Amino acid sequence: MRGDQRQAVRWLRHVLVVMLVLGITGCAQVRKMMYKTTGDVMFMFAEEVQVPYMLTTDDVDMNCGMSRSLTPLLMSFGEVTAAPDKLGVMVYSSAGICAEARAREENLRYLRAIKAQDANEAEDALAAQKRWHVVAAKRNFVAYKHLVSAFGEPGGECPALDNEFDQLIYLMGLLSGLQALNNEIASTTAIGVPKNVAAKAERASSCLDDNRWWGAPMALKATIWAMLPGATPKGEDPWLRLENAAKKGERARVRLAHVFWALAAYSQGKTDLVKDIIRRHAKEKQKHMAKPQYRFVDELATQILMALSDEMWTEATGHRTPIGAFGTFWDDQKAAPAETINLDDLL
């Protein structure tokens, strides 16, 4: 082969190599653009369609399955587009709720074992309960960190909460931070949740319209006052605030404030008050359907109060709340039978 032919062949090889490299690079860029577009569409769909739809449902367990299965997929798109911090608050807080439910079930197993004097079963249940609290603490803390990324550190100047979705996410993020701390304490395992997260959540709750959000912001604030020694401002009564918040939730037919009130009472050993709150919630549910737009939040409140009821029933009787008995308790006074009259005596 002549020299000029060999040189032409070499040039052709170089051209082919360059074209191949450009082709591969171009394909990678096209794929990245496709992934980014897909992620942006999914985030938009989740915010505008999926989340509002989920809030109208009342199947808490199904939402648990959805949050556990879809969270890795949704959050992975943060590698090719802007991090979905607001959705991160939503899905990780939902996943935290799932883990807390598992911890509560293990607590019931522990209480039954204690009542049966089965030391091995009790020890196993307690260990399992603490493990699930670790999982819940981690998930809730991730949700809180997404809140910080989206809106800045809570407790200082109020962020711009431009729409209803942002306000809901902010409320959920504050609750997640508070729950992360509670879960960490219950697990007896340090995972790094800042101890001042409760104080930050208490201050940041003032950034939300209490009337718009069913009394939940004030209920959150008053719960912290009731549970933390020295946290109540001068002239404030946390229990009066909690009752007033509950009334707002009842009027709005989103009774989340009942949960704060009951948990605060439970933490202070006010068993009779806890029972009264659960009775009140059960009666409200019977009389007034939940607001359709936030049916899920109302049902979640019911599930948490049912868990409290189950714990109290199990401690007293060895079993959870009987079917159809939510709002009643083992030691309730039975109604006296109506007086009967023998008609033969009147003849």
Protein backbone atom coordinates (compact mmCIF):
# COMPACT_ATOMS: atom_id res chain seq x y z
CA MET A 1 0.00 0.00 0.00
CA ARG A 2 1.37 3.38 -0.95
CA GLY A 3 2.18 5.97 1.71
CA ASP A 4 -0.67 8.27 0.83
CA GLN A 5 -3.13 5.37 1.07
CA ARG A 6 -1.78 4.33 4.46
CA GLN A 7 -2.10 7.91 5.68
CA ALA A 8 -5.67 8.05 4.42
CA VAL A 9 -6.48 4.86 6.29
CA ARG A 10 -4.99 6.28 9.49
CA TRP A 11 -7.03 9.47 9.10
CA LEU A 12 -10.16 7.40 8.56
CA ARG A 13 -9.46 5.44 11.72
CA HIS A 14 -9.01 8.66 13.66
CA VAL A 15 -12.26 10.02 12.29
CA LEU A 16 -14.11 6.83 13.24
CA VAL A 17 -12.69 6.92 16.77
CA VAL A 18 -13.67 10.57 17.18
CA MET A 19 -17.17 9.85 15.84
CA LEU A 20 -17.51 6.90 18.21
CA VAL A 21 -16.45 8.97 21.21
CA LEU A 22 -18.78 11.80 20.24
CA GLY A 23 -21.58 9.32 19.70
CA ILE A 24 -21.10 7.77 23.12
CA THR A 25 -20.85 11.18 24.77
CA GLY A 26 -23.87 12.39 22.86
CA CYS A 27 -25.89 9.35 23.94
CA ALA A 28 -24.92 9.98 27.55
CA GLN A 29 -26.01 13.61 27.28
CA VAL A 30 -29.28 12.59 25.65
CA ARG A 31 -29.91 10.03 28.39
CA LYS A 32 -29.14 12.57 31.08
CA MET A 33 -31.54 15.05 29.49
CA MET A 34 -34.21 12.35 29.29
CA TYR A 35 -33.69 11.39 32.94
CA LYS A 36 -33.86 15.02 34.01
CA THR A 37 -37.07 15.59 32.07
CA THR A 38 -38.57 12.41 33.51
CA GLY A 39 -37.61 13.45 37.03
CA ASP A 40 -39.05 16.94 36.60
CA VAL A 41 -42.31 15.49 35.29
CA MET A 42 -42.52 12.99 38.15
CA PHE A 43 -41.91 15.68 40.77
CA MET A 44 -44.55 17.90 39.19
CA PHE A 45 -47.02 15.01 39.01
CA ALA A 46 -46.38 14.04 42.62
CA GLU A 47 -46.87 17.59 43.88
CA GLU A 48 -49.89 18.46 41.75
CA VAL A 49 -51.70 15.11 41.53
CA GLN A 50 -50.35 12.25 43.64
CA VAL A 51 -50.05 14.02 47.01
CA PRO A 52 -53.46 15.77 46.81
CA TYR A 53 -55.03 12.44 45.82
CA MET A 54 -53.32 10.58 48.66
CA LEU A 55 -54.64 13.12 51.16
CA THR A 56 -58.22 12.26 50.11
CA THR A 57 -57.76 8.55 50.89
CA ASP A 58 -58.16 6.88 54.27
CA ASP A 59 -55.94 3.79 53.94
CA VAL A 60 -52.95 4.55 56.16
CA ASP A 61 -51.41 1.12 55.67
CA MET A 62 -51.49 1.41 51.88
CA ASN A 63 -49.79 4.78 52.11
CA CYS A 64 -47.09 3.09 54.18
CA GLY A 65 -46.48 0.60 51.40
CA MET A 66 -46.37 3.37 48.81
CA SER A 67 -43.89 5.50 50.75
CA ARG A 68 -41.55 2.57 51.40
CA SER A 69 -41.57 1.38 47.80
CA LEU A 70 -41.52 4.69 45.88
CA THR A 71 -39.16 6.75 48.04
CA PRO A 72 -35.91 5.34 46.55
CA LEU A 73 -37.23 5.83 43.00
CA LEU A 74 -38.42 9.40 43.54
CA MET A 75 -35.36 10.52 45.46
CA SER A 76 -32.93 8.97 42.95
CA PHE A 77 -33.97 11.58 40.38
CA GLY A 78 -32.25 14.12 42.59
CA GLU A 79 -29.02 12.82 41.01
CA VAL A 80 -29.98 14.21 37.59
CA THR A 81 -32.12 17.22 38.50
CA ALA A 82 -32.79 19.52 41.45
CA ALA A 83 -33.11 17.67 44.76
CA PRO A 84 -36.81 17.06 45.54
CA ASP A 85 -36.56 18.29 49.12
CA LYS A 86 -40.25 19.06 49.56
CA LEU A 87 -41.25 15.61 48.38
CA GLY A 88 -38.47 14.23 50.57
CA VAL A 89 -40.23 15.66 53.61
CA MET A 90 -43.48 14.00 52.56
CA VAL A 91 -42.20 10.51 51.70
CA TYR A 92 -39.71 10.15 54.55
CA SER A 93 -42.19 11.37 57.16
CA SER A 94 -44.71 8.86 55.80
CA ALA A 95 -42.09 6.12 56.01
CA GLY A 96 -41.38 7.21 59.58
CA ILE A 97 -45.05 6.75 60.42
CA CYS A 98 -44.81 3.17 59.12
CA ALA A 99 -41.84 2.38 61.35
CA GLU A 100 -43.56 3.91 64.38
CA ALA A 101 -46.58 1.66 63.75
CA ARG A 102 -44.28 -1.38 63.83
CA ALA A 103 -42.73 -0.13 67.08
CA ARG A 104 -46.20 0.21 68.61
CA GLU A 105 -47.06 -3.37 67.65
CA GLU A 106 -43.90 -4.62 69.34
CA ASN A 107 -44.85 -2.62 72.42
CA LEU A 108 -48.18 -4.44 72.57
CA ARG A 109 -46.31 -7.75 72.34
CA TYR A 110 -44.08 -6.58 75.18
CA LEU A 111 -47.06 -5.68 77.37
CA ARG A 112 -48.72 -9.05 76.73
CA ALA A 113 -45.49 -10.84 77.61
CA ILE A 114 -45.15 -8.87 80.84
CA LYS A 115 -48.72 -9.74 81.77
CA ALA A 116 -48.02 -13.41 81.02
CA GLN A 117 -44.73 -13.22 82.96
CA ASP A 118 -42.80 -14.45 79.90
CA ALA A 119 -39.40 -12.83 80.39
CA ASN A 120 -37.83 -14.05 77.15
CA GLU A 121 -40.74 -12.86 75.01
CA ALA A 122 -40.77 -9.52 76.81
CA GLU A 123 -37.05 -8.99 76.27
CA ASP A 124 -37.33 -9.90 72.58
CA ALA A 125 -40.31 -7.57 72.06
CA LEU A 126 -38.53 -4.70 73.79
CA ALA A 127 -35.46 -5.15 71.59
CA ALA A 128 -37.60 -5.25 68.44
CA GLN A 129 -39.51 -2.16 69.58
CA LYS A 130 -36.28 -0.20 70.06
CA ARG A 131 -34.99 -1.29 66.64
CA TRP A 132 -38.12 0.04 64.97
CA HIS A 133 -37.77 3.30 66.89
CA VAL A 134 -34.25 3.61 65.47
CA VAL A 135 -35.66 3.16 61.95
CA ALA A 136 -38.40 5.72 62.64
CA ALA A 137 -35.89 8.18 64.10
CA LYS A 138 -33.65 7.93 61.04
CA ARG A 139 -36.52 8.38 58.59
CA ASN A 140 -38.02 11.30 60.47
CA PHE A 141 -34.62 12.94 60.80
CA VAL A 142 -34.07 12.64 57.04
CA ALA A 143 -37.48 14.28 56.52
CA TYR A 144 -36.45 17.10 58.85
CA LYS A 145 -33.15 17.59 57.00
CA HIS A 146 -35.07 17.87 53.73
CA LEU A 147 -37.20 20.55 55.42
CA VAL A 148 -34.03 22.46 56.32
CA SER A 149 -32.75 22.14 52.74
CA ALA A 150 -36.04 23.38 51.30
CA PHE A 151 -36.88 26.24 53.68
CA GLY A 152 -33.85 26.90 55.86
CA GLU A 153 -33.29 26.15 59.54
CA PRO A 154 -36.59 26.45 61.47
CA GLY A 155 -36.92 28.72 64.46
CA GLY A 156 -35.61 31.94 62.97
CA GLU A 157 -37.19 34.16 60.36
CA CYS A 158 -40.26 32.64 58.74
CA PRO A 159 -39.65 31.33 55.22
CA ALA A 160 -41.75 32.22 52.20
CA LEU A 161 -44.54 29.66 52.21
CA ASP A 162 -46.04 30.55 48.87
CA ASN A 163 -48.86 28.04 48.60
CA GLU A 164 -50.86 25.44 50.47
CA PHE A 165 -48.49 22.63 49.48
CA ASP A 166 -45.49 24.48 50.95
CA GLN A 167 -47.38 25.15 54.18
CA LEU A 168 -48.40 21.51 54.54
CA ILE A 169 -44.84 20.36 53.90
CA TYR A 170 -43.55 22.83 56.48
CA LEU A 171 -45.98 21.51 59.09
CA MET A 172 -45.05 17.90 58.30
CA GLY A 173 -41.35 18.71 58.48
CA LEU A 174 -41.70 20.29 61.92
CA LEU A 175 -43.63 17.26 63.14
CA SER A 176 -40.96 14.96 61.69
CA GLY A 177 -38.21 16.77 63.57
CA LEU A 178 -40.13 16.46 66.82
CA GLN A 179 -40.88 12.79 66.19
CA ALA A 180 -37.25 12.08 65.28
CA LEU A 181 -36.24 13.29 68.73
CA ASN A 182 -39.00 11.27 70.43
CA ASN A 183 -38.04 8.14 68.49
CA GLU A 184 -34.37 8.58 69.33
CA ILE A 185 -35.18 8.85 73.03
CA ALA A 186 -37.46 5.79 72.88
CA SER A 187 -34.81 3.77 71.06
CA THR A 188 -32.09 4.60 73.64
CA THR A 189 -29.76 4.86 70.63
CA ALA A 190 -28.15 8.13 69.59
CA ILE A 191 -28.44 8.88 65.87
CA GLY A 192 -27.54 12.57 66.00
CA VAL A 193 -30.90 14.34 66.26
CA PRO A 194 -30.21 17.83 67.70
CA LYS A 195 -31.66 18.21 71.18
CA ASN A 196 -32.87 21.74 70.36
CA VAL A 197 -35.12 20.55 67.53
CA ALA A 198 -38.17 20.77 69.82
CA ALA A 199 -37.46 24.41 70.66
CA LYS A 200 -36.98 25.20 66.96
CA ALA A 201 -40.24 23.47 66.03
CA GLU A 202 -42.06 25.36 68.79
CA ARG A 203 -40.91 28.73 67.46
CA ALA A 204 -41.36 27.82 63.79
CA SER A 205 -44.96 26.68 64.30
CA SER A 206 -45.87 30.38 64.60
CA CYS A 207 -45.10 30.72 60.88
CA LEU A 208 -48.27 28.78 60.05
CA ASP A 209 -51.86 30.01 60.17
CA ASP A 210 -53.42 28.15 63.09
CA ASN A 211 -56.97 28.52 61.78
CA ARG A 212 -56.01 27.36 58.30
CA TRP A 213 -54.30 24.23 59.61
CA TRP A 214 -56.99 22.94 61.99
CA GLY A 215 -55.33 24.17 65.21
CA ALA A 216 -52.35 21.86 64.66
CA PRO A 217 -49.61 24.56 64.87
CA MET A 218 -50.80 25.75 68.29
CA ALA A 219 -51.33 22.15 69.40
CA LEU A 220 -47.72 21.37 68.49
CA LYS A 221 -46.52 24.42 70.40
CA ALA A 222 -48.65 23.68 73.48
CA THR A 223 -47.58 20.02 73.50
CA ILE A 224 -43.96 21.08 73.79
CA TRP A 225 -44.91 23.48 76.59
CA ALA A 226 -46.68 20.67 78.45
CA MET A 227 -43.93 18.09 77.99
CA LEU A 228 -40.77 20.15 78.55
CA PRO A 229 -40.22 21.56 82.05
CA GLY A 230 -39.87 25.33 82.02
CA ALA A 231 -40.93 25.68 78.38
CA THR A 232 -44.33 27.29 79.05
CA PRO A 233 -44.22 31.08 78.60
CA LYS A 234 -45.46 33.21 81.47
CA GLY A 235 -49.22 33.60 81.40
CA GLU A 236 -49.82 30.62 79.10
CA ASP A 237 -51.83 27.50 79.94
CA PRO A 238 -50.80 24.62 77.63
CA TRP A 239 -53.83 22.50 78.53
CA LEU A 240 -56.27 25.28 77.71
CA ARG A 241 -54.41 25.88 74.44
CA LEU A 242 -54.60 22.18 73.60
CA GLU A 243 -58.33 22.05 74.25
CA ASN A 244 -58.93 25.14 72.12
CA ALA A 245 -56.80 23.67 69.33
CA ALA A 246 -58.86 20.49 69.50
CA LYS A 247 -62.04 22.53 69.07
CA LYS A 248 -60.59 24.14 65.95
CA GLY A 249 -59.79 20.72 64.55
CA GLU A 250 -63.31 19.54 65.28
CA ARG A 251 -64.84 22.51 63.48
CA ALA A 252 -62.54 21.92 60.50
CA ARG A 253 -63.25 18.14 60.60
CA VAL A 254 -59.50 17.41 60.60
CA ARG A 255 -58.94 16.27 64.17
CA LEU A 256 -55.14 16.08 64.29
CA ALA A 257 -55.02 18.31 67.39
CA HIS A 258 -56.66 15.50 69.37
CA VAL A 259 -53.43 13.53 68.93
CA PHE A 260 -51.23 16.29 70.38
CA TRP A 261 -53.60 16.73 73.31
CA ALA A 262 -53.72 13.00 74.05
CA LEU A 263 -49.95 12.48 73.73
CA ALA A 264 -49.25 15.42 76.03
CA ALA A 265 -51.72 14.04 78.58
CA TYR A 266 -50.29 10.52 78.27
CA SER A 267 -46.75 11.77 78.84
CA GLN A 268 -47.88 13.46 82.07
CA GLY A 269 -49.76 10.41 83.36
CA LYS A 270 -53.19 12.02 82.90
CA THR A 271 -54.91 8.71 82.08
CA ASP A 272 -58.47 9.93 82.63
CA LEU A 273 -57.87 12.87 80.30
CA VAL A 274 -56.46 10.54 77.63
CA LYS A 275 -59.60 8.42 77.86
CA ASP A 276 -61.82 11.50 77.57
CA ILE A 277 -59.94 12.70 74.48
CA ILE A 278 -60.27 9.30 72.82
CA ARG A 279 -63.99 9.19 73.64
CA ARG A 280 -64.38 12.69 72.26
CA HIS A 281 -62.56 11.78 69.05
CA ALA A 282 -64.66 8.65 68.54
CA LYS A 283 -67.90 10.61 68.99
CA GLU A 284 -66.73 13.33 66.60
CA LYS A 285 -65.90 10.71 63.96
CA GLN A 286 -69.38 9.25 64.29
CA LYS A 287 -71.14 12.61 64.07
CA HIS A 288 -69.04 14.37 61.42
CA MET A 289 -67.23 12.91 58.44
CA ALA A 290 -63.66 14.06 57.86
CA LYS A 291 -63.03 16.93 55.49
CA PRO A 292 -62.67 15.14 52.11
CA GLN A 293 -59.59 17.13 51.09
CA TYR A 294 -57.69 15.92 54.19
CA ARG A 295 -59.36 12.60 54.94
CA PHE A 296 -55.97 10.90 55.28
CA VAL A 297 -54.78 13.28 58.02
CA ASP A 298 -57.96 12.73 60.02
CA GLU A 299 -57.70 8.95 59.64
CA LEU A 300 -54.05 9.05 60.66
CA ALA A 301 -55.12 10.85 63.84
CA THR A 302 -57.66 8.10 64.48
CA GLN A 303 -55.04 5.38 63.98
CA ILE A 304 -52.64 7.02 66.45
CA LEU A 305 -55.39 7.40 69.05
CA MET A 306 -56.41 3.79 68.41
CA ALA A 307 -52.81 2.80 69.17
CA LEU A 308 -53.00 4.67 72.49
CA SER A 309 -56.29 2.95 73.22
CA ASP A 310 -54.76 -0.44 72.36
CA GLU A 311 -51.87 0.19 74.74
CA MET A 312 -54.19 1.10 77.59
CA TRP A 313 -56.48 -1.86 76.92
CA THR A 314 -53.52 -4.26 76.71
CA GLU A 315 -52.01 -3.05 79.98
CA ALA A 316 -55.34 -3.56 81.72
CA THR A 317 -56.76 -6.68 80.06
CA GLY A 318 -54.02 -8.34 78.01
CA HIS A 319 -55.62 -7.58 74.64
CA ARG A 320 -56.07 -4.58 72.38
CA THR A 321 -59.24 -2.52 71.88
CA PRO A 322 -62.08 -4.86 70.84
CA ILE A 323 -63.65 -4.41 67.43
CA GLY A 324 -66.29 -1.69 67.56
CA ALA A 325 -65.17 -0.57 71.03
CA PHE A 326 -62.99 2.41 70.09
CA GLY A 327 -63.98 5.21 72.45
CA THR A 328 -64.92 2.82 75.25
CA PHE A 329 -62.81 1.29 78.03
CA TRP A 330 -62.80 -1.89 80.10
CA ASP A 331 -63.73 -0.06 83.30
CA ASP A 332 -66.61 1.97 81.89
CA GLN A 333 -69.74 1.80 83.99
CA LYS A 334 -72.32 -0.37 82.31
CA ALA A 335 -75.62 1.36 81.73
CA ALA A 336 -78.25 0.15 84.16
CA PRO A 337 -80.94 -1.93 82.46
CA ALA A 338 -84.21 -0.12 81.92
CA GLU A 339 -86.87 -0.87 84.52
CA THR A 340 -89.40 -3.36 83.24
CA ILE A 341 -93.00 -3.52 84.29
CA ASN A 342 -94.95 -6.73 84.41
CA LEU A 343 -98.27 -5.91 82.79
CA ASP A 344 -99.92 -8.76 84.67
CA ASP A 345 -99.32 -6.83 87.90
CA LEU A 346 -101.44 -3.96 86.58
CA LEU A 347 -104.43 -6.14 85.87
